[in-house]
Amino acid sequence: MTARIVHVEEKINELKKQTDFYVHEIKQRVGKLIIPDSVNVISYFTSSFNISNNPDEENLCLGSYHIRNIGNQPITNPYLCIKLPEDSPFSFSGKYVYEHFAPKLKGNSSWERINDQSSKVEFWLRPIGKTTLEPNETLSFPNFQIKWGHNLSYSGSIIGFTYCDQLEDGVVVLNPINLNGISYTQGDENE
């Protein structure tokens, strides 16, 4: 029985040496691989809705806009654009500041609106205090609101674009928010 144990131990040691050799070879080959630098960003919305059938109440979409660096290089100076459809009943609000605001109102986790504040369709925003987004890091513009009344039919898509120094043409959001509904008046229900 002892000869058998010795034989098994020798076989285990032989397999261990062989495994160590293969692992060493794989590590060397992986180390020699040249992985090209890549800039790759995705952006997406998360949202929830409160839709009312009561014509006296507003409908509400609560959302957040996320930018995720899925490349292997940092991106610099990220900013975003949230765009509402022209001539829609949607109104946008969120927690952002303007350039002329006092520094004490601009925290490091704030966002600054960088386009004309009279625009009700496009909202260009950049993070304050965040100029680099590292690989596998996510940056979020949280808790914006889109409101609209129920007294009119509505239809439109809220889209977003992400920009940075490396992606000057921008990247469109993966999942635009599509809203549409038909308003029924009291007379329509009785017909």
C-alpha atoms as a PDB file:
ATOM      1  CA  MET A   1       0.000   0.000   0.000  1.00  0.00           C
ATOM      2  CA  THR A   2       2.892   2.387   0.696  1.00  0.00           C
ATOM      3  CA  ALA A   3       4.291   1.941  -2.786  1.00  0.00           C
ATOM      4  CA  ARG A   4       0.902   2.899  -4.146  1.00  0.00           C
ATOM      5  CA  ILE A   5       0.794   6.087  -2.001  1.00  0.00           C
ATOM      6  CA  VAL A   6       4.311   7.010  -3.140  1.00  0.00           C
ATOM      7  CA  HIS A   7       3.310   6.456  -6.762  1.00  0.00           C
ATOM      8  CA  VAL A   8       0.184   8.654  -6.343  1.00  0.00           C
ATOM      9  CA  GLU A   9       2.238  11.391  -4.639  1.00  0.00           C
ATOM     10  CA  GLU A  10       4.789  11.289  -7.480  1.00  0.00           C
ATOM     11  CA  LYS A  11       1.982  11.591 -10.025  1.00  0.00           C
ATOM     12  CA  ILE A  12       0.453  14.555  -8.113  1.00  0.00           C
ATOM     13  CA  ASN A  13       3.855  16.293  -7.975  1.00  0.00           C
ATOM     14  CA  GLU A  14       4.383  15.672 -11.695  1.00  0.00           C
ATOM     15  CA  LEU A  15       0.944  17.159 -12.508  1.00  0.00           C
ATOM     16  CA  LYS A  16       1.635  20.132 -10.202  1.00  0.00           C
ATOM     17  CA  LYS A  17       4.933  20.870 -12.012  1.00  0.00           C
ATOM     18  CA  GLN A  18       3.161  20.592 -15.359  1.00  0.00           C
ATOM     19  CA  THR A  19       0.371  22.955 -14.192  1.00  0.00           C
ATOM     20  CA  ASP A  20       2.933  25.455 -12.840  1.00  0.00           C
ATOM     21  CA  PHE A  21       4.741  25.353 -16.207  1.00  0.00           C
ATOM     22  CA  TYR A  22       1.490  25.985 -18.127  1.00  0.00           C
ATOM     23  CA  VAL A  23       0.437  28.824 -15.811  1.00  0.00           C
ATOM     24  CA  HIS A  24       3.872  30.421 -16.226  1.00  0.00           C
ATOM     25  CA  GLU A  25       3.627  30.115 -20.041  1.00  0.00           C
ATOM     26  CA  ILE A  26       0.137  31.637 -20.089  1.00  0.00           C
ATOM     27  CA  LYS A  27       1.238  34.560 -17.906  1.00  0.00           C
ATOM     28  CA  GLN A  28       4.178  35.255 -20.217  1.00  0.00           C
ATOM     29  CA  ARG A  29       1.986  35.208 -23.319  1.00  0.00           C
ATOM     30  CA  VAL A  30      -0.684  37.414 -21.746  1.00  0.00           C
ATOM     31  CA  GLY A  31       2.040  39.840 -20.660  1.00  0.00           C
ATOM     32  CA  LYS A  32       3.212  40.110 -24.282  1.00  0.00           C
ATOM     33  CA  LEU A  33      -0.274  40.883 -25.586  1.00  0.00           C
ATOM     34  CA  ILE A  34      -0.755  44.417 -26.771  1.00  0.00           C
ATOM     35  CA  ILE A  35      -4.192  45.622 -25.810  1.00  0.00           C
ATOM     36  CA  PRO A  36      -5.019  48.730 -27.817  1.00  0.00           C
ATOM     37  CA  ASP A  37      -6.142  51.800 -25.928  1.00  0.00           C
ATOM     38  CA  SER A  38      -9.858  52.199 -26.277  1.00  0.00           C
ATOM     39  CA  VAL A  39     -12.267  54.934 -25.359  1.00  0.00           C
ATOM     40  CA  ASN A  40     -15.709  53.472 -24.917  1.00  0.00           C
ATOM     41  CA  VAL A  41     -18.585  55.082 -23.075  1.00  0.00           C
ATOM     42  CA  ILE A  42     -22.202  54.102 -22.642  1.00  0.00           C
ATOM     43  CA  SER A  43     -24.918  56.292 -21.224  1.00  0.00           C
ATOM     44  CA  TYR A  44     -28.400  55.340 -20.131  1.00  0.00           C
ATOM     45  CA  PHE A  45     -31.437  56.542 -18.213  1.00  0.00           C
ATOM     46  CA  THR A  46     -33.040  54.985 -15.193  1.00  0.00           C
ATOM     47  CA  SER A  47     -36.554  56.209 -14.548  1.00  0.00           C
ATOM     48  CA  SER A  48     -39.829  55.708 -12.759  1.00  0.00           C
ATOM     49  CA  PHE A  49     -43.232  57.156 -13.547  1.00  0.00           C
ATOM     50  CA  ASN A  50     -46.331  58.429 -11.829  1.00  0.00           C
ATOM     51  CA  ILE A  51     -49.035  58.558 -14.504  1.00  0.00           C
ATOM     52  CA  SER A  52     -52.433  59.899 -13.529  1.00  0.00           C
ATOM     53  CA  ASN A  53     -55.752  59.510 -15.310  1.00  0.00           C
ATOM     54  CA  ASN A  54     -57.112  62.492 -13.451  1.00  0.00           C
ATOM     55  CA  PRO A  55     -57.021  65.559 -15.765  1.00  0.00           C
ATOM     56  CA  ASP A  56     -56.382  67.822 -12.763  1.00  0.00           C
ATOM     57  CA  GLU A  57     -53.147  66.038 -11.801  1.00  0.00           C
ATOM     58  CA  GLU A  58     -49.707  66.162 -13.398  1.00  0.00           C
ATOM     59  CA  ASN A  59     -47.821  63.180 -14.728  1.00  0.00           C
ATOM     60  CA  LEU A  60     -44.274  62.755 -13.513  1.00  0.00           C
ATOM     61  CA  CYS A  61     -41.132  60.972 -14.636  1.00  0.00           C
ATOM     62  CA  LEU A  62     -38.294  60.768 -12.117  1.00  0.00           C
ATOM     63  CA  GLY A  63     -35.034  59.907 -13.790  1.00  0.00           C
ATOM     64  CA  SER A  64     -31.278  59.762 -13.576  1.00  0.00           C
ATOM     65  CA  TYR A  65     -28.730  59.928 -16.386  1.00  0.00           C
ATOM     66  CA  HIS A  66     -25.712  57.644 -16.063  1.00  0.00           C
ATOM     67  CA  ILE A  67     -22.408  57.740 -17.932  1.00  0.00           C
ATOM     68  CA  ARG A  68     -20.227  54.618 -17.657  1.00  0.00           C
ATOM     69  CA  ASN A  69     -16.674  54.386 -18.938  1.00  0.00           C
ATOM     70  CA  ILE A  70     -16.388  50.837 -20.299  1.00  0.00           C
ATOM     71  CA  GLY A  71     -13.100  51.494 -22.103  1.00  0.00           C
ATOM     72  CA  ASN A  72      -9.605  50.969 -20.755  1.00  0.00           C
ATOM     73  CA  GLN A  73      -8.639  54.667 -20.834  1.00  0.00           C
ATOM     74  CA  PRO A  74      -9.879  57.576 -18.715  1.00  0.00           C
ATOM     75  CA  ILE A  75     -12.107  60.131 -20.391  1.00  0.00           C
ATOM     76  CA  THR A  76     -11.748  63.820 -19.669  1.00  0.00           C
ATOM     77  CA  ASN A  77     -14.196  66.684 -19.323  1.00  0.00           C
ATOM     78  CA  PRO A  78     -17.437  64.694 -19.590  1.00  0.00           C
ATOM     79  CA  TYR A  79     -20.710  66.535 -20.141  1.00  0.00           C
ATOM     80  CA  LEU A  80     -24.191  65.633 -21.318  1.00  0.00           C
ATOM     81  CA  CYS A  81     -27.226  66.942 -23.128  1.00  0.00           C
ATOM     82  CA  ILE A  82     -30.799  65.975 -22.287  1.00  0.00           C
ATOM     83  CA  LYS A  83     -33.132  66.934 -25.105  1.00  0.00           C
ATOM     84  CA  LEU A  84     -36.923  67.174 -24.972  1.00  0.00           C
ATOM     85  CA  PRO A  85     -39.062  67.165 -28.117  1.00  0.00           C
ATOM     86  CA  GLU A  86     -39.923  70.534 -29.678  1.00  0.00           C
ATOM     87  CA  ASP A  87     -43.456  71.819 -28.951  1.00  0.00           C
ATOM     88  CA  SER A  88     -44.127  69.149 -26.341  1.00  0.00           C
ATOM     89  CA  PRO A  89     -46.037  69.557 -23.074  1.00  0.00           C
ATOM     90  CA  PHE A  90     -43.021  68.240 -21.119  1.00  0.00           C
ATOM     91  CA  SER A  91     -41.142  70.424 -18.641  1.00  0.00           C
ATOM     92  CA  PHE A  92     -37.738  69.486 -17.248  1.00  0.00           C
ATOM     93  CA  SER A  93     -36.246  70.279 -13.859  1.00  0.00           C
ATOM     94  CA  GLY A  94     -33.248  69.016 -11.980  1.00  0.00           C
ATOM     95  CA  LYS A  95     -30.615  69.950  -9.475  1.00  0.00           C
ATOM     96  CA  TYR A  96     -28.098  72.084 -11.325  1.00  0.00           C
ATOM     97  CA  VAL A  97     -26.507  75.493 -10.980  1.00  0.00           C
ATOM     98  CA  TYR A  98     -25.441  78.240 -13.370  1.00  0.00           C
ATOM     99  CA  GLU A  99     -21.975  79.698 -13.880  1.00  0.00           C
ATOM    100  CA  HIS A 100     -22.881  82.973 -12.139  1.00  0.00           C
ATOM    101  CA  PHE A 101     -24.001  81.236  -8.918  1.00  0.00           C
ATOM    102  CA  ALA A 102     -21.944  81.865  -5.788  1.00  0.00           C
ATOM    103  CA  PRO A 103     -19.171  79.308  -5.216  1.00  0.00           C
ATOM    104  CA  LYS A 104     -20.760  78.159  -1.955  1.00  0.00           C
ATOM    105  CA  LEU A 105     -23.833  77.013  -3.941  1.00  0.00           C
ATOM    106  CA  LYS A 106     -21.623  74.930  -6.240  1.00  0.00           C
ATOM    107  CA  GLY A 107     -20.621  71.786  -4.407  1.00  0.00           C
ATOM    108  CA  ASN A 108     -18.215  69.226  -5.854  1.00  0.00           C
ATOM    109  CA  SER A 109     -21.092  66.879  -6.613  1.00  0.00           C
ATOM    110  CA  SER A 110     -23.142  69.556  -8.384  1.00  0.00           C
ATOM    111  CA  TRP A 111     -23.875  69.903 -12.059  1.00  0.00           C
ATOM    112  CA  GLU A 112     -23.686  73.159 -13.984  1.00  0.00           C
ATOM    113  CA  ARG A 113     -25.954  74.081 -16.870  1.00  0.00           C
ATOM    114  CA  ILE A 114     -23.748  75.361 -19.680  1.00  0.00           C
ATOM    115  CA  ASN A 115     -26.260  76.371 -22.372  1.00  0.00           C
ATOM    116  CA  ASP A 116     -28.786  79.199 -22.626  1.00  0.00           C
ATOM    117  CA  GLN A 117     -31.008  78.982 -19.547  1.00  0.00           C
ATOM    118  CA  SER A 118     -34.030  80.172 -21.520  1.00  0.00           C
ATOM    119  CA  SER A 119     -34.018  76.953 -23.591  1.00  0.00           C
ATOM    120  CA  LYS A 120     -36.823  74.634 -22.524  1.00  0.00           C
ATOM    121  CA  VAL A 121     -35.752  71.895 -24.945  1.00  0.00           C
ATOM    122  CA  GLU A 122     -32.026  71.301 -24.422  1.00  0.00           C
ATOM    123  CA  PHE A 123     -30.230  70.987 -21.100  1.00  0.00           C
ATOM    124  CA  TRP A 124     -26.433  70.862 -21.428  1.00  0.00           C
ATOM    125  CA  LEU A 125     -24.847  69.897 -18.116  1.00  0.00           C
ATOM    126  CA  ARG A 126     -21.334  69.253 -16.850  1.00  0.00           C
ATOM    127  CA  PRO A 127     -20.238  67.965 -13.464  1.00  0.00           C
ATOM    128  CA  ILE A 128     -18.483  70.399 -11.157  1.00  0.00           C
ATOM    129  CA  GLY A 129     -15.254  69.074  -9.698  1.00  0.00           C
ATOM    130  CA  LYS A 130     -15.214  65.946 -11.859  1.00  0.00           C
ATOM    131  CA  THR A 131     -12.996  66.281 -14.930  1.00  0.00           C
ATOM    132  CA  THR A 132     -11.935  62.649 -15.358  1.00  0.00           C
ATOM    133  CA  LEU A 133     -13.959  59.458 -15.549  1.00  0.00           C
ATOM    134  CA  GLU A 134     -11.729  56.428 -15.000  1.00  0.00           C
ATOM    135  CA  PRO A 135     -12.299  53.011 -16.636  1.00  0.00           C
ATOM    136  CA  ASN A 136     -15.230  51.136 -15.039  1.00  0.00           C
ATOM    137  CA  GLU A 137     -16.374  54.304 -13.278  1.00  0.00           C
ATOM    138  CA  THR A 138     -19.923  55.694 -13.503  1.00  0.00           C
ATOM    139  CA  LEU A 139     -20.962  59.330 -13.303  1.00  0.00           C
ATOM    140  CA  SER A 140     -24.628  60.185 -12.680  1.00  0.00           C
ATOM    141  CA  PHE A 141     -26.873  63.217 -13.009  1.00  0.00           C
ATOM    142  CA  PRO A 142     -29.490  62.080 -10.480  1.00  0.00           C
ATOM    143  CA  ASN A 143     -33.125  62.799  -9.773  1.00  0.00           C
ATOM    144  CA  PHE A 144     -34.292  64.990 -12.610  1.00  0.00           C
ATOM    145  CA  GLN A 145     -38.024  65.421 -13.179  1.00  0.00           C
ATOM    146  CA  ILE A 146     -40.103  65.608 -16.317  1.00  0.00           C
ATOM    147  CA  LYS A 147     -43.673  66.800 -15.785  1.00  0.00           C
ATOM    148  CA  TRP A 148     -46.632  67.141 -18.107  1.00  0.00           C
ATOM    149  CA  GLY A 149     -50.350  67.660 -17.782  1.00  0.00           C
ATOM    150  CA  HIS A 150     -52.979  65.117 -18.630  1.00  0.00           C
ATOM    151  CA  ASN A 151     -55.382  67.542 -20.269  1.00  0.00           C
ATOM    152  CA  LEU A 152     -53.711  67.133 -23.702  1.00  0.00           C
ATOM    153  CA  SER A 153     -52.556  64.130 -25.656  1.00  0.00           C
ATOM    154  CA  TYR A 154     -48.788  63.829 -25.570  1.00  0.00           C
ATOM    155  CA  SER A 155     -46.066  62.040 -27.457  1.00  0.00           C
ATOM    156  CA  GLY A 156     -42.310  62.357 -27.597  1.00  0.00           C
ATOM    157  CA  SER A 157     -38.917  60.961 -26.732  1.00  0.00           C
ATOM    158  CA  ILE A 158     -36.480  62.364 -24.237  1.00  0.00           C
ATOM    159  CA  ILE A 159     -33.020  61.625 -25.568  1.00  0.00           C
ATOM    160  CA  GLY A 160     -29.564  62.136 -24.180  1.00  0.00           C
ATOM    161  CA  PHE A 161     -26.062  62.544 -25.523  1.00  0.00           C
ATOM    162  CA  THR A 162     -22.721  62.141 -23.746  1.00  0.00           C
ATOM    163  CA  TYR A 163     -19.639  64.080 -24.757  1.00  0.00           C
ATOM    164  CA  CYS A 164     -16.024  64.291 -23.617  1.00  0.00           C
ATOM    165  CA  ASP A 165     -12.684  65.420 -25.025  1.00  0.00           C
ATOM    166  CA  GLN A 166     -12.211  62.019 -26.661  1.00  0.00           C
ATOM    167  CA  LEU A 167     -15.767  61.808 -28.102  1.00  0.00           C
ATOM    168  CA  GLU A 168     -16.506  65.242 -29.540  1.00  0.00           C
ATOM    169  CA  ASP A 169     -19.333  63.888 -31.741  1.00  0.00           C
ATOM    170  CA  GLY A 170     -21.068  62.435 -28.712  1.00  0.00           C
ATOM    171  CA  VAL A 171     -22.643  59.108 -27.870  1.00  0.00           C
ATOM    172  CA  VAL A 172     -26.431  58.754 -27.797  1.00  0.00           C
ATOM    173  CA  VAL A 173     -28.123  57.310 -24.729  1.00  0.00           C
ATOM    174  CA  LEU A 174     -28.947  53.589 -24.966  1.00  0.00           C
ATOM    175  CA  ASN A 175     -32.563  53.910 -23.848  1.00  0.00           C
ATOM    176  CA  PRO A 176     -34.431  57.120 -24.647  1.00  0.00           C
ATOM    177  CA  ILE A 177     -37.499  57.789 -22.535  1.00  0.00           C
ATOM    178  CA  ASN A 178     -40.547  57.455 -24.785  1.00  0.00           C
ATOM    179  CA  LEU A 179     -43.754  59.045 -23.531  1.00  0.00           C
ATOM    180  CA  ASN A 180     -47.122  59.041 -25.226  1.00  0.00           C
ATOM    181  CA  GLY A 181     -50.711  59.023 -24.212  1.00  0.00           C
ATOM    182  CA  ILE A 182     -54.144  60.113 -25.347  1.00  0.00           C
ATOM    183  CA  SER A 183     -56.282  62.461 -23.331  1.00  0.00           C
ATOM    184  CA  TYR A 184     -59.924  61.535 -22.967  1.00  0.00           C
ATOM    185  CA  THR A 185     -62.386  64.200 -21.915  1.00  0.00           C
ATOM    186  CA  GLN A 186     -65.501  63.493 -19.879  1.00  0.00           C
ATOM    187  CA  GLY A 187     -67.621  63.565 -23.064  1.00  0.00           C
ATOM    188  CA  ASP A 188     -65.425  60.890 -24.707  1.00  0.00           C
ATOM    189  CA  GLU A 189     -66.108  58.419 -21.907  1.00  0.00           C
ATOM    190  CA  ASN A 190     -69.904  58.599 -22.391  1.00  0.00           C
ATOM    191  CA  GLU A 191     -69.852  57.977 -26.135  1.00  0.00           C
END
